[in-house]
Amino acid sequence: MYEPDLEPRNKSGLRKRGIYILPNLFTTGALFAGFYAIVQAMNGAFDQSAVAIFVAMILDALDGRVARMTHTQSEFGAEYDSLSDMVSFGVAPSLVIYEWALKSLGKWGWFAAFIYCAGTALRLARFNTNIGVVDKRFFQGLPSPAAAALVAGFVWLAHDNTQLLDGFGEDLRWVACALTVFAGLTMVSNMRFYSFKDINMRKSVPFIVIFLIAMFFLVVSSYPPGVLFLIFLGYSVSGYVLWLLEKYRARPGRKG
């Protein structure tokens, strides 16, 4: 995501107000991927919808980095990025899972989908107002791309294992409902999630790190639906684990 505080300034110290092509091309690509996910969900192609949301995640991760690397941050880019995120990681996942599993639950289904959608809007608004205030090493609340990946990963995994999951029957819809509500509420919670922003990509690393990165991509490529869902499921509960650890360490009378 963009950080407006890092916008380039002119000689007088005022922010440059401009629209830069390169980073906004990535943002537009992420917006299109979110829109494509909605269209494919309406057509019943839920696996393609899930993949499109993951593509939006990749493009969203690139636009801010490209802007910082090329010194093309702008206030326009920050606002455009937030609106794109709302579509790709808020509206798209909620509509995809609603069409796939929640529609038949009646009011409970659309209520769960709305909780997720509203949670995304609130999460993005809080992120934009907290830039430069909170510890950059941690996100306050589950990031909206991770929440979208959790929902989309579940849809993709279930769609890819229809025979295996047929035994769950209608219970699967309630699992999807609970997961959607969990993702929406976790986005607006005060749980801290590691942001990975303190990792210096320009710093030299041991050879083993490169090997582990290669192994990571190998594992993901072995079965993307299952591996990606487990990764983001683990990340979504990591904030609660961190909270429990902090509570444990802060117990009265505990030494060290």
Foldseek 3Di string as FASTA:
>chain_A
DAAAVLADADPVRHGDADDDDVLVVLLVQLLVLLVVLLVVLVVVNLLSSLVSLVSSVVSLVPSRVVCVVVNNDHPVSLVSNLVSLLRSLAVRLLNNLLSVFLVVVPPLSNVLSVLQSVLQVVLSVVVNVCRVPDDQQKRFFDHSSLLSLLSSLVSNVCVVPVVVCVVCPSVVSVVSSVSSNLSSVRSPHRFIAGDCPVDDPPDDDDPVVVVVVVVVVVVCVVPVSVVSNVVSVVRSCVSVVVVVVVVVVPDPPDDD
